[in-house]
C-alpha atoms as a PDB file:
ATOM      1  CA  MET A   1      49.089 107.553 -18.524  1.00  0.00           C
ATOM      2  CA  ILE A   2      50.828 110.581 -19.941  1.00  0.00           C
ATOM      3  CA  TRP A   3      53.757 108.358 -20.992  1.00  0.00           C
ATOM      4  CA  VAL A   4      51.466 106.103 -22.960  1.00  0.00           C
ATOM      5  CA  ILE A   5      49.935 109.066 -24.777  1.00  0.00           C
ATOM      6  CA  SER A   6      53.437 110.527 -25.445  1.00  0.00           C
ATOM      7  CA  ILE A   7      54.646 107.219 -26.834  1.00  0.00           C
ATOM      8  CA  ILE A   8      51.573 106.847 -29.129  1.00  0.00           C
ATOM      9  CA  ILE A   9      51.975 110.419 -30.492  1.00  0.00           C
ATOM     10  CA  THR A  10      55.697 109.829 -30.984  1.00  0.00           C
ATOM     11  CA  ILE A  11      55.087 106.567 -32.919  1.00  0.00           C
ATOM     12  CA  ALA A  12      52.500 108.282 -35.099  1.00  0.00           C
ATOM     13  CA  LEU A  13      54.841 111.189 -35.929  1.00  0.00           C
ATOM     14  CA  ILE A  14      57.718 108.811 -36.667  1.00  0.00           C
ATOM     15  CA  GLY A  15      55.428 106.879 -38.907  1.00  0.00           C
ATOM     16  CA  ALA A  16      54.416 110.039 -40.797  1.00  0.00           C
ATOM     17  CA  LEU A  17      58.124 110.952 -41.153  1.00  0.00           C
ATOM     18  CA  ILE A  18      58.999 107.524 -42.464  1.00  0.00           C
ATOM     19  CA  ILE A  19      56.239 107.581 -45.035  1.00  0.00           C
ATOM     20  CA  SER A  20      57.195 111.107 -46.151  1.00  0.00           C
ATOM     21  CA  ILE A  21      60.837 110.073 -46.606  1.00  0.00           C
ATOM     22  CA  TYR A  22      59.679 107.011 -48.545  1.00  0.00           C
ATOM     23  CA  THR A  23      57.620 109.200 -50.861  1.00  0.00           C
ATOM     24  CA  LEU A  24      60.546 111.542 -51.397  1.00  0.00           C
ATOM     25  CA  LYS A  25      62.932 108.661 -52.126  1.00  0.00           C
ATOM     26  CA  LYS A  26      60.458 107.279 -54.725  1.00  0.00           C
ATOM     27  CA  GLU A  27      60.453 110.719 -56.467  1.00  0.00           C
ATOM     28  CA  GLU A  28      64.270 110.802 -56.388  1.00  0.00           C
ATOM     29  CA  GLN A  29      64.429 107.442 -58.094  1.00  0.00           C
ATOM     30  CA  LYS A  30      62.212 108.709 -60.874  1.00  0.00           C
ATOM     31  CA  ALA A  31      64.534 111.664 -61.237  1.00  0.00           C
ATOM     32  CA  LYS A  32      67.493 109.500 -62.296  1.00  0.00           C
ATOM     33  CA  ALA A  33      67.522 109.956 -66.070  1.00  0.00           C
ATOM     34  CA  SER A  34      70.481 109.710 -68.378  1.00  0.00           C
ATOM     35  CA  THR A  35      69.584 111.775 -71.439  1.00  0.00           C
ATOM     36  CA  VAL A  36      68.202 115.231 -72.078  1.00  0.00           C
ATOM     37  CA  GLU A  37      65.033 113.719 -73.616  1.00  0.00           C
ATOM     38  CA  ASP A  38      64.528 111.633 -70.500  1.00  0.00           C
ATOM     39  CA  GLU A  39      64.970 114.653 -68.362  1.00  0.00           C
ATOM     40  CA  LEU A  40      62.420 116.639 -70.417  1.00  0.00           C
ATOM     41  CA  LYS A  41      59.935 113.744 -70.268  1.00  0.00           C
ATOM     42  CA  ARG A  42      60.425 113.377 -66.540  1.00  0.00           C
ATOM     43  CA  SER A  43      59.986 117.096 -66.050  1.00  0.00           C
ATOM     44  CA  HIS A  44      56.679 117.178 -67.888  1.00  0.00           C
ATOM     45  CA  GLU A  45      55.476 114.091 -66.068  1.00  0.00           C
ATOM     46  CA  TYR A  46      56.462 115.609 -62.752  1.00  0.00           C
ATOM     47  CA  GLU A  47      54.644 118.829 -63.467  1.00  0.00           C
ATOM     48  CA  THR A  48      51.424 116.953 -64.359  1.00  0.00           C
ATOM     49  CA  LYS A  49      51.409 114.137 -61.790  1.00  0.00           C
ATOM     50  CA  SER A  50      53.541 115.133 -58.821  1.00  0.00           C
ATOM     51  CA  LEU A  51      51.215 117.529 -57.140  1.00  0.00           C
ATOM     52  CA  THR A  52      48.254 115.210 -57.174  1.00  0.00           C
ATOM     53  CA  SER A  53      50.154 112.108 -55.942  1.00  0.00           C
ATOM     54  CA  ASN A  54      52.207 113.958 -53.243  1.00  0.00           C
ATOM     55  CA  ILE A  55      49.240 115.888 -51.926  1.00  0.00           C
ATOM     56  CA  ARG A  56      47.136 112.708 -51.821  1.00  0.00           C
ATOM     57  CA  ASN A  57      49.889 110.818 -49.892  1.00  0.00           C
ATOM     58  CA  LEU A  58      50.577 113.685 -47.508  1.00  0.00           C
ATOM     59  CA  LEU A  59      46.832 114.250 -46.814  1.00  0.00           C
ATOM     60  CA  TRP A  60      46.479 110.580 -45.826  1.00  0.00           C
ATOM     61  CA  ILE A  61      49.567 110.730 -43.606  1.00  0.00           C
ATOM     62  CA  TYR A  62      48.589 113.885 -41.760  1.00  0.00           C
ATOM     63  CA  ALA A  63      44.881 112.981 -41.520  1.00  0.00           C
ATOM     64  CA  ILE A  64      45.857 109.752 -39.756  1.00  0.00           C
ATOM     65  CA  VAL A  65      48.244 111.579 -37.430  1.00  0.00           C
ATOM     66  CA  ILE A  66      45.626 114.192 -36.553  1.00  0.00           C
ATOM     67  CA  ILE A  67      42.910 111.640 -35.984  1.00  0.00           C
ATOM     68  CA  LEU A  68      45.184 109.596 -33.718  1.00  0.00           C
ATOM     69  CA  SER A  69      46.181 112.745 -31.873  1.00  0.00           C
ATOM     70  CA  PHE A  70      42.459 113.574 -31.220  1.00  0.00           C
ATOM     71  CA  VAL A  71      41.797 110.026 -30.073  1.00  0.00           C
ATOM     72  CA  VAL A  72      44.765 110.134 -27.658  1.00  0.00           C
ATOM     73  CA  LEU A  73      43.569 113.590 -26.437  1.00  0.00           C
ATOM     74  CA  ALA A  74      40.062 112.247 -25.898  1.00  0.00           C
ATOM     75  CA  ILE A  75      41.397 109.231 -23.956  1.00  0.00           C
ATOM     76  CA  TYR A  76      43.545 111.593 -21.873  1.00  0.00           C
ATOM     77  CA  ILE A  77      40.674 113.916 -21.102  1.00  0.00           C
ATOM     78  CA  PHE A  78      38.286 110.984 -20.309  1.00  0.00           C
ATOM     79  CA  LEU A  79      40.771 109.463 -17.893  1.00  0.00           C
ATOM     80  CA  LEU A  80      41.691 112.752 -16.253  1.00  0.00           C
END
């Protein structure tokens, strides 16, 4: 039973890591600008929108991982 729980937690953490990397790659693609004006525009956009979008995405990721961890812990305690 401990192996099943370990596998579920590992899969959840890997999923969180993949989604985090995807979010970072998306931000890097936005960062590819060719002119100074584009860089300035991107910088202002990043300052206004990045925090809200990244925090929202990361909150969903870690909320799901924490909830799954509690579910797995409850299953483990119940079957113990």
